N, C-alpha and C. Protein backbone atom coordinates (compact mmCIF):
# COMPACT_ATOMS: atom_id res chain seq x y z
N MET A 1 -4.82 -10.35 -17.02
CA MET A 1 -4.69 -10.00 -18.44
C MET A 1 -5.67 -8.89 -18.84
N MET A 2 -6.90 -8.99 -18.31
CA MET A 2 -7.89 -7.96 -18.63
C MET A 2 -7.49 -6.61 -18.04
N LEU A 3 -6.88 -6.63 -16.86
CA LEU A 3 -6.42 -5.38 -16.26
C LEU A 3 -5.29 -4.76 -17.09
N SER A 4 -4.38 -5.59 -17.58
CA SER A 4 -3.31 -5.08 -18.44
C SER A 4 -3.87 -4.58 -19.77
N LEU A 5 -4.85 -5.29 -20.30
CA LEU A 5 -5.49 -4.85 -21.53
C LEU A 5 -6.14 -3.48 -21.34
N LEU A 6 -6.82 -3.31 -20.21
CA LEU A 6 -7.45 -2.02 -19.91
C LEU A 6 -6.40 -0.91 -19.81
N ALA A 7 -5.28 -1.21 -19.15
CA ALA A 7 -4.22 -0.21 -19.00
C ALA A 7 -3.65 0.20 -20.35
N GLY A 8 -3.37 -0.79 -21.21
CA GLY A 8 -2.84 -0.48 -22.53
C GLY A 8 -3.83 0.30 -23.38
N TYR A 9 -5.09 -0.06 -23.27
CA TYR A 9 -6.15 0.60 -24.03
C TYR A 9 -6.24 2.09 -23.65
N VAL A 10 -6.31 2.36 -22.36
CA VAL A 10 -6.45 3.75 -21.89
C VAL A 10 -5.17 4.54 -22.16
N ASP A 11 -4.03 3.91 -21.97
CA ASP A 11 -2.76 4.62 -22.19
C ASP A 11 -2.61 5.02 -23.65
N SER A 12 -3.02 4.15 -24.54
CA SER A 12 -2.96 4.45 -25.98
C SER A 12 -3.83 5.66 -26.32
N ILE A 13 -5.05 5.67 -25.77
CA ILE A 13 -5.95 6.80 -26.02
C ILE A 13 -5.38 8.08 -25.45
N GLY A 14 -4.85 7.99 -24.22
CA GLY A 14 -4.26 9.17 -23.60
C GLY A 14 -3.08 9.70 -24.38
N PHE A 15 -2.23 8.80 -24.87
CA PHE A 15 -1.05 9.20 -25.63
C PHE A 15 -1.44 9.96 -26.90
N LEU A 16 -2.45 9.45 -27.58
CA LEU A 16 -2.90 10.09 -28.82
C LEU A 16 -3.64 11.39 -28.53
N LYS A 17 -4.43 11.39 -27.48
CA LYS A 17 -5.20 12.58 -27.13
C LYS A 17 -4.29 13.72 -26.70
N LEU A 18 -3.21 13.40 -25.99
CA LEU A 18 -2.35 14.43 -25.41
C LEU A 18 -1.11 14.70 -26.25
N GLY A 19 -1.00 14.05 -27.37
CA GLY A 19 0.10 14.34 -28.27
C GLY A 19 1.46 13.91 -27.79
N GLY A 20 1.55 12.74 -27.18
CA GLY A 20 2.86 12.21 -26.81
C GLY A 20 3.11 12.06 -25.33
N TYR A 21 2.11 12.29 -24.50
CA TYR A 21 2.24 12.07 -23.07
C TYR A 21 1.50 10.79 -22.69
N PHE A 22 2.04 10.08 -21.71
CA PHE A 22 1.41 8.86 -21.24
C PHE A 22 0.51 9.14 -20.03
N VAL A 23 -0.52 8.32 -19.87
CA VAL A 23 -1.38 8.47 -18.70
C VAL A 23 -1.23 7.29 -17.74
N SER A 24 -0.47 6.28 -18.13
CA SER A 24 -0.25 5.17 -17.20
C SER A 24 1.21 4.71 -17.19
N PHE A 25 1.96 4.99 -18.24
CA PHE A 25 3.35 4.54 -18.34
C PHE A 25 4.27 5.64 -17.81
N MET A 26 4.49 5.63 -16.50
CA MET A 26 5.23 6.71 -15.88
C MET A 26 6.73 6.64 -16.13
N SER A 27 7.25 5.47 -16.52
CA SER A 27 8.66 5.40 -16.91
C SER A 27 8.89 6.24 -18.16
N GLY A 28 7.96 6.13 -19.11
CA GLY A 28 8.05 6.93 -20.32
C GLY A 28 7.94 8.41 -20.02
N ASN A 29 7.04 8.77 -19.11
CA ASN A 29 6.89 10.18 -18.74
C ASN A 29 8.12 10.70 -18.01
N THR A 30 8.77 9.83 -17.23
CA THR A 30 9.99 10.26 -16.53
C THR A 30 11.11 10.54 -17.52
N THR A 31 11.22 9.70 -18.55
CA THR A 31 12.20 9.97 -19.61
C THR A 31 11.85 11.27 -20.32
N ARG A 32 10.56 11.46 -20.59
CA ARG A 32 10.11 12.70 -21.24
C ARG A 32 10.44 13.91 -20.37
N LEU A 33 10.28 13.77 -19.06
CA LEU A 33 10.61 14.85 -18.13
C LEU A 33 12.09 15.22 -18.23
N GLY A 34 12.95 14.19 -18.24
CA GLY A 34 14.38 14.45 -18.35
C GLY A 34 14.75 15.13 -19.65
N ILE A 35 14.13 14.70 -20.74
CA ILE A 35 14.40 15.30 -22.04
C ILE A 35 13.97 16.76 -22.06
N ASP A 36 12.77 17.03 -21.54
CA ASP A 36 12.28 18.41 -21.51
C ASP A 36 13.17 19.31 -20.66
N LEU A 37 13.62 18.78 -19.52
CA LEU A 37 14.52 19.57 -18.66
C LEU A 37 15.85 19.80 -19.36
N GLY A 38 16.37 18.75 -20.01
CA GLY A 38 17.65 18.88 -20.71
C GLY A 38 17.59 19.86 -21.86
N GLU A 39 16.45 19.96 -22.50
CA GLU A 39 16.29 20.89 -23.62
C GLU A 39 15.78 22.25 -23.19
N GLY A 40 15.61 22.43 -21.90
CA GLY A 40 15.18 23.73 -21.39
C GLY A 40 13.70 24.02 -21.59
N LYS A 41 12.90 23.00 -21.83
CA LYS A 41 11.45 23.18 -22.02
C LYS A 41 10.76 23.06 -20.66
N LEU A 42 10.84 24.12 -19.88
CA LEU A 42 10.37 24.06 -18.50
C LEU A 42 8.85 23.89 -18.40
N ARG A 43 8.12 24.50 -19.30
CA ARG A 43 6.66 24.39 -19.26
C ARG A 43 6.24 22.94 -19.49
N GLU A 44 6.84 22.30 -20.48
CA GLU A 44 6.51 20.91 -20.76
C GLU A 44 6.95 20.00 -19.60
N ALA A 45 8.10 20.34 -19.00
CA ALA A 45 8.60 19.54 -17.88
C ALA A 45 7.65 19.62 -16.69
N VAL A 46 7.13 20.81 -16.43
CA VAL A 46 6.17 20.98 -15.32
C VAL A 46 4.92 20.15 -15.59
N THR A 47 4.47 20.15 -16.85
CA THR A 47 3.28 19.38 -17.21
C THR A 47 3.47 17.90 -16.95
N VAL A 48 4.58 17.34 -17.43
CA VAL A 48 4.79 15.90 -17.28
C VAL A 48 5.06 15.54 -15.82
N PHE A 49 5.68 16.43 -15.08
CA PHE A 49 5.89 16.18 -13.64
C PHE A 49 4.54 16.14 -12.92
N GLY A 50 3.63 17.01 -13.34
CA GLY A 50 2.29 17.00 -12.78
C GLY A 50 1.57 15.69 -13.08
N PHE A 51 1.80 15.13 -14.27
CA PHE A 51 1.21 13.84 -14.62
C PHE A 51 1.69 12.75 -13.66
N VAL A 52 3.00 12.75 -13.39
CA VAL A 52 3.56 11.74 -12.49
C VAL A 52 2.96 11.88 -11.09
N CYS A 53 2.84 13.10 -10.63
CA CYS A 53 2.29 13.35 -9.30
C CYS A 53 0.84 12.89 -9.20
N LEU A 54 0.04 13.18 -10.21
CA LEU A 54 -1.36 12.76 -10.21
C LEU A 54 -1.49 11.25 -10.24
N PHE A 55 -0.61 10.58 -10.96
CA PHE A 55 -0.62 9.12 -10.99
C PHE A 55 -0.36 8.57 -9.60
N VAL A 56 0.61 9.15 -8.90
CA VAL A 56 0.92 8.72 -7.53
C VAL A 56 -0.27 8.97 -6.61
N VAL A 57 -0.94 10.10 -6.79
CA VAL A 57 -2.13 10.39 -5.99
C VAL A 57 -3.21 9.34 -6.25
N GLY A 58 -3.32 8.90 -7.49
CA GLY A 58 -4.27 7.84 -7.81
C GLY A 58 -3.94 6.55 -7.09
N VAL A 59 -2.65 6.21 -7.03
CA VAL A 59 -2.21 5.03 -6.27
C VAL A 59 -2.57 5.21 -4.80
N PHE A 60 -2.36 6.41 -4.30
CA PHE A 60 -2.67 6.73 -2.90
C PHE A 60 -4.16 6.49 -2.61
N PHE A 61 -5.03 7.02 -3.46
CA PHE A 61 -6.47 6.83 -3.24
C PHE A 61 -6.86 5.36 -3.37
N GLY A 62 -6.27 4.67 -4.35
CA GLY A 62 -6.56 3.26 -4.51
C GLY A 62 -6.16 2.46 -3.28
N SER A 63 -5.02 2.80 -2.71
CA SER A 63 -4.54 2.11 -1.50
C SER A 63 -5.45 2.39 -0.32
N LEU A 64 -5.94 3.63 -0.21
CA LEU A 64 -6.87 3.97 0.88
C LEU A 64 -8.17 3.17 0.75
N ILE A 65 -8.65 3.05 -0.47
CA ILE A 65 -9.88 2.27 -0.71
C ILE A 65 -9.65 0.81 -0.34
N ALA A 66 -8.50 0.27 -0.73
CA ALA A 66 -8.18 -1.11 -0.41
C ALA A 66 -8.10 -1.33 1.09
N HIS A 67 -7.57 -0.35 1.80
CA HIS A 67 -7.45 -0.46 3.26
C HIS A 67 -8.82 -0.39 3.93
N ARG A 68 -9.68 0.46 3.41
CA ARG A 68 -11.00 0.66 4.01
C ARG A 68 -11.95 -0.50 3.68
N HIS A 69 -11.84 -1.04 2.48
CA HIS A 69 -12.72 -2.13 2.05
C HIS A 69 -11.88 -3.39 1.82
N ARG A 70 -11.36 -3.93 2.87
CA ARG A 70 -10.43 -5.06 2.77
C ARG A 70 -11.04 -6.26 2.05
N GLU A 71 -12.25 -6.60 2.43
CA GLU A 71 -12.87 -7.80 1.86
C GLU A 71 -13.40 -7.57 0.45
N ARG A 72 -13.61 -6.31 0.10
CA ARG A 72 -14.13 -5.98 -1.23
C ARG A 72 -13.24 -4.95 -1.92
N ARG A 73 -11.97 -5.08 -1.69
CA ARG A 73 -11.04 -4.06 -2.19
C ARG A 73 -10.98 -4.03 -3.72
N ARG A 74 -10.96 -5.21 -4.34
CA ARG A 74 -10.81 -5.23 -5.80
C ARG A 74 -12.03 -4.63 -6.49
N SER A 75 -13.20 -5.03 -6.07
CA SER A 75 -14.41 -4.48 -6.70
C SER A 75 -14.53 -2.99 -6.42
N SER A 76 -14.19 -2.57 -5.21
CA SER A 76 -14.29 -1.15 -4.87
C SER A 76 -13.34 -0.30 -5.70
N ILE A 77 -12.11 -0.78 -5.87
CA ILE A 77 -11.13 -0.03 -6.66
C ILE A 77 -11.53 0.03 -8.12
N LEU A 78 -11.99 -1.10 -8.66
CA LEU A 78 -12.38 -1.13 -10.08
C LEU A 78 -13.59 -0.24 -10.35
N LEU A 79 -14.54 -0.20 -9.44
CA LEU A 79 -15.69 0.69 -9.61
C LEU A 79 -15.26 2.15 -9.48
N PHE A 80 -14.28 2.41 -8.61
CA PHE A 80 -13.71 3.76 -8.48
C PHE A 80 -13.04 4.16 -9.80
N VAL A 81 -12.30 3.23 -10.40
CA VAL A 81 -11.67 3.49 -11.70
C VAL A 81 -12.72 3.79 -12.76
N SER A 82 -13.79 3.01 -12.75
CA SER A 82 -14.87 3.22 -13.72
C SER A 82 -15.50 4.60 -13.56
N VAL A 83 -15.70 5.04 -12.33
CA VAL A 83 -16.26 6.37 -12.08
C VAL A 83 -15.32 7.46 -12.58
N LEU A 84 -14.03 7.31 -12.29
CA LEU A 84 -13.06 8.31 -12.74
C LEU A 84 -12.99 8.39 -14.26
N LEU A 85 -13.04 7.25 -14.93
CA LEU A 85 -13.02 7.26 -16.40
C LEU A 85 -14.29 7.89 -16.97
N THR A 86 -15.40 7.70 -16.27
CA THR A 86 -16.65 8.35 -16.69
C THR A 86 -16.54 9.87 -16.57
N ILE A 87 -15.97 10.32 -15.47
CA ILE A 87 -15.73 11.76 -15.28
C ILE A 87 -14.82 12.28 -16.39
N ALA A 88 -13.81 11.47 -16.74
CA ALA A 88 -12.86 11.89 -17.78
C ALA A 88 -13.54 12.06 -19.13
N VAL A 89 -14.33 11.08 -19.54
CA VAL A 89 -14.94 11.15 -20.87
C VAL A 89 -15.97 12.28 -20.94
N ILE A 90 -16.64 12.56 -19.85
CA ILE A 90 -17.60 13.67 -19.81
C ILE A 90 -16.86 15.00 -19.97
N ASN A 91 -15.73 15.14 -19.29
CA ASN A 91 -14.94 16.37 -19.40
C ASN A 91 -14.34 16.52 -20.80
N TYR A 92 -13.88 15.42 -21.37
CA TYR A 92 -13.34 15.48 -22.73
C TYR A 92 -14.42 15.90 -23.72
N ALA A 93 -15.63 15.37 -23.54
CA ALA A 93 -16.73 15.71 -24.44
C ALA A 93 -17.10 17.19 -24.31
N ALA A 94 -16.91 17.74 -23.11
CA ALA A 94 -17.22 19.15 -22.88
C ALA A 94 -16.09 20.08 -23.31
N GLY A 95 -14.97 19.48 -23.74
CA GLY A 95 -13.84 20.30 -24.16
C GLY A 95 -12.88 20.65 -23.05
N TRP A 96 -13.08 20.07 -21.86
CA TRP A 96 -12.21 20.35 -20.71
C TRP A 96 -11.14 19.28 -20.63
N THR A 97 -10.18 19.35 -21.53
CA THR A 97 -9.15 18.32 -21.65
C THR A 97 -8.33 18.19 -20.38
N ARG A 98 -8.01 19.30 -19.76
CA ARG A 98 -7.17 19.25 -18.55
C ARG A 98 -7.82 18.43 -17.45
N TYR A 99 -9.10 18.69 -17.17
CA TYR A 99 -9.78 17.99 -16.09
C TYR A 99 -10.03 16.52 -16.45
N GLY A 100 -10.29 16.28 -17.72
CA GLY A 100 -10.44 14.90 -18.17
C GLY A 100 -9.16 14.11 -17.97
N THR A 101 -8.04 14.74 -18.28
CA THR A 101 -6.74 14.08 -18.12
C THR A 101 -6.43 13.83 -16.65
N PHE A 102 -6.78 14.79 -15.80
CA PHE A 102 -6.59 14.59 -14.35
C PHE A 102 -7.28 13.30 -13.91
N ALA A 103 -8.52 13.12 -14.35
CA ALA A 103 -9.31 11.96 -13.93
C ALA A 103 -8.70 10.66 -14.47
N VAL A 104 -8.22 10.68 -15.71
CA VAL A 104 -7.62 9.48 -16.30
C VAL A 104 -6.35 9.09 -15.54
N LEU A 105 -5.53 10.06 -15.21
CA LEU A 105 -4.29 9.79 -14.47
C LEU A 105 -4.59 9.18 -13.10
N LEU A 106 -5.58 9.72 -12.41
CA LEU A 106 -5.97 9.16 -11.12
C LEU A 106 -6.48 7.73 -11.28
N ALA A 107 -7.25 7.50 -12.34
CA ALA A 107 -7.81 6.17 -12.58
C ALA A 107 -6.71 5.14 -12.83
N MET A 108 -5.71 5.51 -13.63
CA MET A 108 -4.65 4.56 -13.93
C MET A 108 -3.75 4.30 -12.72
N GLY A 109 -3.57 5.31 -11.90
CA GLY A 109 -2.82 5.09 -10.66
C GLY A 109 -3.56 4.14 -9.75
N ALA A 110 -4.88 4.36 -9.61
CA ALA A 110 -5.70 3.51 -8.75
C ALA A 110 -5.73 2.08 -9.26
N GLU A 111 -5.75 1.90 -10.57
CA GLU A 111 -5.82 0.55 -11.13
C GLU A 111 -4.64 -0.30 -10.69
N ASN A 112 -3.50 0.33 -10.50
CA ASN A 112 -2.30 -0.42 -10.12
C ASN A 112 -2.35 -0.97 -8.70
N THR A 113 -3.37 -0.62 -7.95
CA THR A 113 -3.50 -1.14 -6.58
C THR A 113 -4.46 -2.33 -6.51
N VAL A 114 -5.08 -2.69 -7.62
CA VAL A 114 -6.09 -3.76 -7.60
C VAL A 114 -5.49 -5.08 -7.14
N LEU A 115 -4.29 -5.41 -7.60
CA LEU A 115 -3.68 -6.70 -7.28
C LEU A 115 -2.65 -6.61 -6.17
N ARG A 116 -2.67 -5.52 -5.41
CA ARG A 116 -1.74 -5.38 -4.30
C ARG A 116 -2.26 -6.12 -3.08
N ARG A 117 -1.39 -6.90 -2.47
CA ARG A 117 -1.78 -7.62 -1.27
C ARG A 117 -0.55 -7.90 -0.42
N ASP A 118 -0.65 -7.59 0.87
CA ASP A 118 0.45 -7.80 1.81
C ASP A 118 1.73 -7.10 1.36
N GLY A 119 1.55 -5.89 0.82
CA GLY A 119 2.70 -5.09 0.43
C GLY A 119 3.30 -5.44 -0.91
N VAL A 120 2.80 -6.49 -1.57
CA VAL A 120 3.33 -6.91 -2.88
C VAL A 120 2.31 -6.59 -3.95
N SER A 121 2.74 -5.97 -5.02
CA SER A 121 1.82 -5.58 -6.09
C SER A 121 2.32 -6.08 -7.44
N VAL A 122 1.39 -6.18 -8.38
CA VAL A 122 1.71 -6.56 -9.74
C VAL A 122 1.58 -5.33 -10.62
N GLY A 123 2.64 -4.99 -11.34
CA GLY A 123 2.59 -3.83 -12.22
C GLY A 123 1.70 -4.10 -13.42
N LEU A 124 0.72 -3.26 -13.61
CA LEU A 124 -0.24 -3.47 -14.70
C LEU A 124 -0.05 -2.49 -15.85
N THR A 125 0.57 -1.36 -15.58
CA THR A 125 0.66 -0.32 -16.60
C THR A 125 2.09 -0.14 -17.12
N TYR A 126 2.98 -1.03 -16.75
CA TYR A 126 4.34 -1.01 -17.31
C TYR A 126 4.82 -2.45 -17.40
N MET A 127 5.62 -2.73 -18.41
CA MET A 127 5.94 -4.12 -18.72
C MET A 127 7.42 -4.46 -18.61
N THR A 128 8.27 -3.50 -18.34
CA THR A 128 9.70 -3.79 -18.28
C THR A 128 10.00 -4.87 -17.25
N GLY A 129 9.42 -4.71 -16.06
CA GLY A 129 9.64 -5.70 -15.00
C GLY A 129 9.14 -7.08 -15.39
N ASN A 130 7.97 -7.13 -16.04
CA ASN A 130 7.43 -8.42 -16.46
C ASN A 130 8.29 -9.07 -17.54
N LEU A 131 8.84 -8.24 -18.45
CA LEU A 131 9.71 -8.79 -19.49
C LEU A 131 11.01 -9.32 -18.90
N VAL A 132 11.52 -8.64 -17.89
CA VAL A 132 12.71 -9.15 -17.20
C VAL A 132 12.41 -10.48 -16.54
N LYS A 133 11.24 -10.56 -15.87
CA LYS A 133 10.84 -11.82 -15.24
C LYS A 133 10.65 -12.92 -16.28
N MET A 134 10.13 -12.55 -17.44
CA MET A 134 9.96 -13.52 -18.51
C MET A 134 11.31 -14.06 -18.97
N GLY A 135 12.29 -13.18 -19.07
CA GLY A 135 13.64 -13.62 -19.45
C GLY A 135 14.24 -14.55 -18.41
N HIS A 136 14.04 -14.21 -17.13
CA HIS A 136 14.51 -15.10 -16.06
C HIS A 136 13.82 -16.45 -16.13
N ALA A 137 12.49 -16.42 -16.33
CA ALA A 137 11.72 -17.67 -16.40
C ALA A 137 12.16 -18.52 -17.59
N LEU A 138 12.48 -17.85 -18.70
CA LEU A 138 12.94 -18.56 -19.89
C LEU A 138 14.27 -19.25 -19.62
N ALA A 139 15.16 -18.54 -18.93
CA ALA A 139 16.46 -19.14 -18.58
C ALA A 139 16.29 -20.30 -17.62
N ASP A 140 15.38 -20.13 -16.65
CA ASP A 140 15.12 -21.21 -15.69
C ASP A 140 14.54 -22.44 -16.39
N ALA A 141 13.62 -22.21 -17.32
CA ALA A 141 13.03 -23.33 -18.06
C ALA A 141 14.07 -24.02 -18.93
N PHE A 142 14.95 -23.23 -19.54
CA PHE A 142 15.99 -23.79 -20.42
C PHE A 142 16.97 -24.65 -19.65
N THR A 143 17.25 -24.25 -18.40
CA THR A 143 18.21 -25.00 -17.59
C THR A 143 17.54 -26.03 -16.69
N GLY A 144 16.22 -26.14 -16.80
CA GLY A 144 15.50 -27.14 -16.01
C GLY A 144 15.23 -26.75 -14.58
N ARG A 145 15.39 -25.47 -14.26
CA ARG A 145 15.18 -25.03 -12.88
C ARG A 145 13.78 -24.46 -12.64
N GLY A 146 12.98 -24.38 -13.68
CA GLY A 146 11.64 -23.83 -13.53
C GLY A 146 10.72 -24.29 -14.64
N PRO A 147 9.41 -24.15 -14.44
CA PRO A 147 8.44 -24.59 -15.45
C PRO A 147 8.32 -23.60 -16.60
N LEU A 148 8.05 -24.12 -17.79
CA LEU A 148 7.90 -23.27 -18.96
C LEU A 148 6.65 -22.40 -18.87
N LYS A 149 5.66 -22.83 -18.09
CA LYS A 149 4.41 -22.09 -18.00
C LYS A 149 4.62 -20.69 -17.44
N ASP A 150 5.68 -20.49 -16.64
CA ASP A 150 5.95 -19.15 -16.11
C ASP A 150 6.28 -18.17 -17.23
N VAL A 151 6.94 -18.65 -18.27
CA VAL A 151 7.27 -17.81 -19.42
C VAL A 151 5.99 -17.31 -20.07
N PHE A 152 5.04 -18.20 -20.27
CA PHE A 152 3.79 -17.83 -20.92
C PHE A 152 2.95 -16.89 -20.04
N ARG A 153 3.08 -17.04 -18.74
CA ARG A 153 2.33 -16.16 -17.84
C ARG A 153 2.77 -14.71 -18.01
N TYR A 154 4.08 -14.48 -18.01
CA TYR A 154 4.58 -13.12 -18.18
C TYR A 154 4.36 -12.61 -19.61
N ALA A 155 4.50 -13.52 -20.57
CA ALA A 155 4.28 -13.12 -21.96
C ALA A 155 2.83 -12.73 -22.20
N SER A 156 1.90 -13.41 -21.52
CA SER A 156 0.48 -13.11 -21.71
C SER A 156 0.14 -11.70 -21.23
N LEU A 157 0.79 -11.25 -20.16
CA LEU A 157 0.55 -9.89 -19.67
C LEU A 157 1.04 -8.87 -20.68
N TRP A 158 2.21 -9.13 -21.27
CA TRP A 158 2.73 -8.22 -22.29
C TRP A 158 1.80 -8.19 -23.50
N CYS A 159 1.35 -9.33 -23.92
CA CYS A 159 0.45 -9.41 -25.07
C CYS A 159 -0.86 -8.68 -24.80
N ALA A 160 -1.34 -8.80 -23.58
CA ALA A 160 -2.59 -8.13 -23.22
C ALA A 160 -2.43 -6.61 -23.29
N LEU A 161 -1.31 -6.09 -22.77
CA LEU A 161 -1.06 -4.65 -22.82
C LEU A 161 -0.94 -4.17 -24.26
N ALA A 162 -0.20 -4.93 -25.08
CA ALA A 162 -0.02 -4.56 -26.49
C ALA A 162 -1.35 -4.61 -27.23
N THR A 163 -2.16 -5.62 -26.94
CA THR A 163 -3.47 -5.73 -27.59
C THR A 163 -4.37 -4.56 -27.19
N GLY A 164 -4.34 -4.23 -25.90
CA GLY A 164 -5.14 -3.09 -25.43
C GLY A 164 -4.73 -1.80 -26.11
N ALA A 165 -3.42 -1.59 -26.24
CA ALA A 165 -2.92 -0.38 -26.90
C ALA A 165 -3.36 -0.33 -28.36
N THR A 166 -3.32 -1.47 -29.02
CA THR A 166 -3.75 -1.53 -30.42
C THR A 166 -5.23 -1.20 -30.56
N LEU A 167 -6.05 -1.80 -29.70
CA LEU A 167 -7.48 -1.54 -29.73
C LEU A 167 -7.79 -0.08 -29.38
N GLY A 168 -7.03 0.46 -28.44
CA GLY A 168 -7.24 1.85 -28.06
C GLY A 168 -6.95 2.80 -29.20
N ALA A 169 -5.83 2.56 -29.91
CA ALA A 169 -5.48 3.42 -31.04
C ALA A 169 -6.51 3.32 -32.16
N PHE A 170 -6.97 2.10 -32.42
CA PHE A 170 -7.97 1.90 -33.47
C PHE A 170 -9.28 2.59 -33.12
N THR A 171 -9.74 2.40 -31.89
CA THR A 171 -11.02 2.98 -31.47
C THR A 171 -10.93 4.50 -31.42
N PHE A 172 -9.79 5.02 -30.96
CA PHE A 172 -9.61 6.47 -30.90
C PHE A 172 -9.66 7.08 -32.29
N SER A 173 -9.13 6.37 -33.28
CA SER A 173 -9.14 6.88 -34.66
C SER A 173 -10.55 6.98 -35.21
N LYS A 174 -11.48 6.25 -34.60
CA LYS A 174 -12.86 6.25 -35.08
C LYS A 174 -13.75 7.23 -34.32
N VAL A 175 -13.61 7.27 -33.00
CA VAL A 175 -14.55 8.06 -32.19
C VAL A 175 -13.86 9.02 -31.22
N ASN A 176 -12.54 9.21 -31.37
CA ASN A 176 -11.80 10.11 -30.50
C ASN A 176 -11.91 9.66 -29.05
N ALA A 177 -11.99 10.61 -28.12
CA ALA A 177 -11.97 10.26 -26.69
C ALA A 177 -13.20 9.49 -26.24
N HIS A 178 -14.24 9.44 -27.06
CA HIS A 178 -15.42 8.63 -26.72
C HIS A 178 -15.04 7.15 -26.65
N ALA A 179 -13.86 6.81 -27.13
CA ALA A 179 -13.37 5.43 -27.03
C ALA A 179 -13.25 4.99 -25.57
N LEU A 180 -13.16 5.96 -24.66
CA LEU A 180 -13.05 5.63 -23.24
C LEU A 180 -14.30 4.93 -22.70
N TRP A 181 -15.45 5.08 -23.40
CA TRP A 181 -16.66 4.41 -22.92
C TRP A 181 -16.47 2.90 -22.88
N LEU A 182 -15.69 2.38 -23.82
CA LEU A 182 -15.43 0.95 -23.81
C LEU A 182 -14.59 0.57 -22.59
N ALA A 183 -13.64 1.42 -22.23
CA ALA A 183 -12.83 1.18 -21.04
C ALA A 183 -13.69 1.23 -19.78
N ILE A 184 -14.63 2.16 -19.76
CA ILE A 184 -15.54 2.27 -18.62
C ILE A 184 -16.35 0.98 -18.47
N GLY A 185 -16.84 0.48 -19.59
CA GLY A 185 -17.60 -0.76 -19.56
C GLY A 185 -16.77 -1.93 -19.07
N LEU A 186 -15.52 -2.02 -19.52
CA LEU A 186 -14.65 -3.11 -19.11
C LEU A 186 -14.33 -3.02 -17.62
N ALA A 187 -14.00 -1.80 -17.15
CA ALA A 187 -13.70 -1.63 -15.74
C ALA A 187 -14.91 -1.95 -14.88
N GLY A 188 -16.09 -1.50 -15.32
CA GLY A 188 -17.31 -1.79 -14.59
C GLY A 188 -17.62 -3.27 -14.56
N PHE A 189 -17.44 -3.94 -15.70
CA PHE A 189 -17.67 -5.39 -15.76
C PHE A 189 -16.75 -6.14 -14.80
N MET A 190 -15.47 -5.78 -14.81
CA MET A 190 -14.53 -6.44 -13.91
C MET A 190 -14.86 -6.13 -12.46
N GLY A 191 -15.33 -4.90 -12.20
CA GLY A 191 -15.70 -4.53 -10.85
C GLY A 191 -16.85 -5.36 -10.32
N PHE A 192 -17.89 -5.51 -11.12
CA PHE A 192 -19.05 -6.30 -10.69
C PHE A 192 -18.71 -7.79 -10.62
N ALA A 193 -17.84 -8.26 -11.51
CA ALA A 193 -17.40 -9.66 -11.45
C ALA A 193 -16.61 -9.91 -10.17
N ALA A 194 -15.75 -8.97 -9.82
CA ALA A 194 -14.98 -9.09 -8.58
C ALA A 194 -15.90 -9.05 -7.37
N LEU A 195 -16.92 -8.19 -7.43
CA LEU A 195 -17.87 -8.08 -6.32
C LEU A 195 -18.61 -9.40 -6.12
N ARG A 196 -19.01 -10.02 -7.19
CA ARG A 196 -19.71 -11.31 -7.11
C ARG A 196 -18.80 -12.38 -6.49
N ARG A 197 -17.56 -12.38 -6.92
CA ARG A 197 -16.61 -13.35 -6.38
C ARG A 197 -16.36 -13.10 -4.89
N GLU A 198 -16.25 -11.84 -4.52
CA GLU A 198 -16.01 -11.50 -3.12
C GLU A 198 -17.19 -11.92 -2.24
N ARG A 199 -18.41 -11.76 -2.74
CA ARG A 199 -19.58 -12.18 -1.99
C ARG A 199 -19.62 -13.70 -1.81
N ILE A 200 -19.24 -14.42 -2.86
CA ILE A 200 -19.21 -15.90 -2.77
C ILE A 200 -18.17 -16.34 -1.75
N GLN A 201 -17.00 -15.69 -1.78
CA GLN A 201 -15.96 -16.03 -0.83
C GLN A 201 -16.39 -15.75 0.60
N ALA A 202 -17.10 -14.63 0.79
CA ALA A 202 -17.59 -14.27 2.13
C ALA A 202 -18.59 -15.31 2.64
N GLN A 203 -19.45 -15.79 1.75
CA GLN A 203 -20.43 -16.82 2.13
C GLN A 203 -19.75 -18.14 2.49
N LEU A 204 -18.72 -18.49 1.74
CA LEU A 204 -17.99 -19.72 2.02
C LEU A 204 -17.26 -19.66 3.36
N GLU A 205 -16.75 -18.49 3.70
CA GLU A 205 -16.04 -18.33 4.96
C GLU A 205 -17.00 -18.44 6.15
N VAL A 206 -18.25 -17.96 5.92
CA VAL A 206 -19.26 -18.06 6.99
C VAL A 206 -19.65 -19.52 7.18
C-alpha cells in the first residue's frame, strides 16, 4: 500500500509539473501518444514516447539491481529510487525540468520491480489490472468460491494510489516540485525498513 501511495503521489506531482504527462502511468501516456500521432502533433508524440522508453529503462535498471542484490533487492531498489528522486528535485530546483523528469521516470520504472519475484510482479503504478482482479474477487466472494478479504486487498491498493495522488496534488499546490522531498523521505524510510527486515531474515537463516 505504501508503494502504491508513493507511486500515486509522484505521478500526481509529475502530471501537474509537466502539464498533462504521466511519470508512472504508462497506459495513460500510451493513449496520449496515440492521440498526438492521430492529431499530427509529432513533437508531443516524440516526447511522450521518450517518457515510455525512460520508464522501461528504469524497470531495466531495477531488475539489474534485483539480480545483483538478491538477498537485499527490495532495500537496494528503494534506496536507488530515493537517490533518483533526490536527483530529480535538485534538477527541478535548478530549473532543469528535462533532467529532473528523466530521473523521476527512471525512479518510477525501478519502483515497479520492488515486488517482482520469480518472474511475477505486482503493478504499483497502474490500477486497471488490480480493479479487474477486484471485480473477479467480488464475483468469487458473491458465489462462495473465494474469500471476501481478497476484494479488500485489491481495493486497498487502489485507495492507496488515489490517496497518494490526492496528497501529491495538495502538496504540489503549496510547494511546487519541492513536494518530492516527502516522496524521497518515504522511499528512504521503506528502503531502510526493508534493509532491516532483510538483515533479520538473513540472521534467522544462519
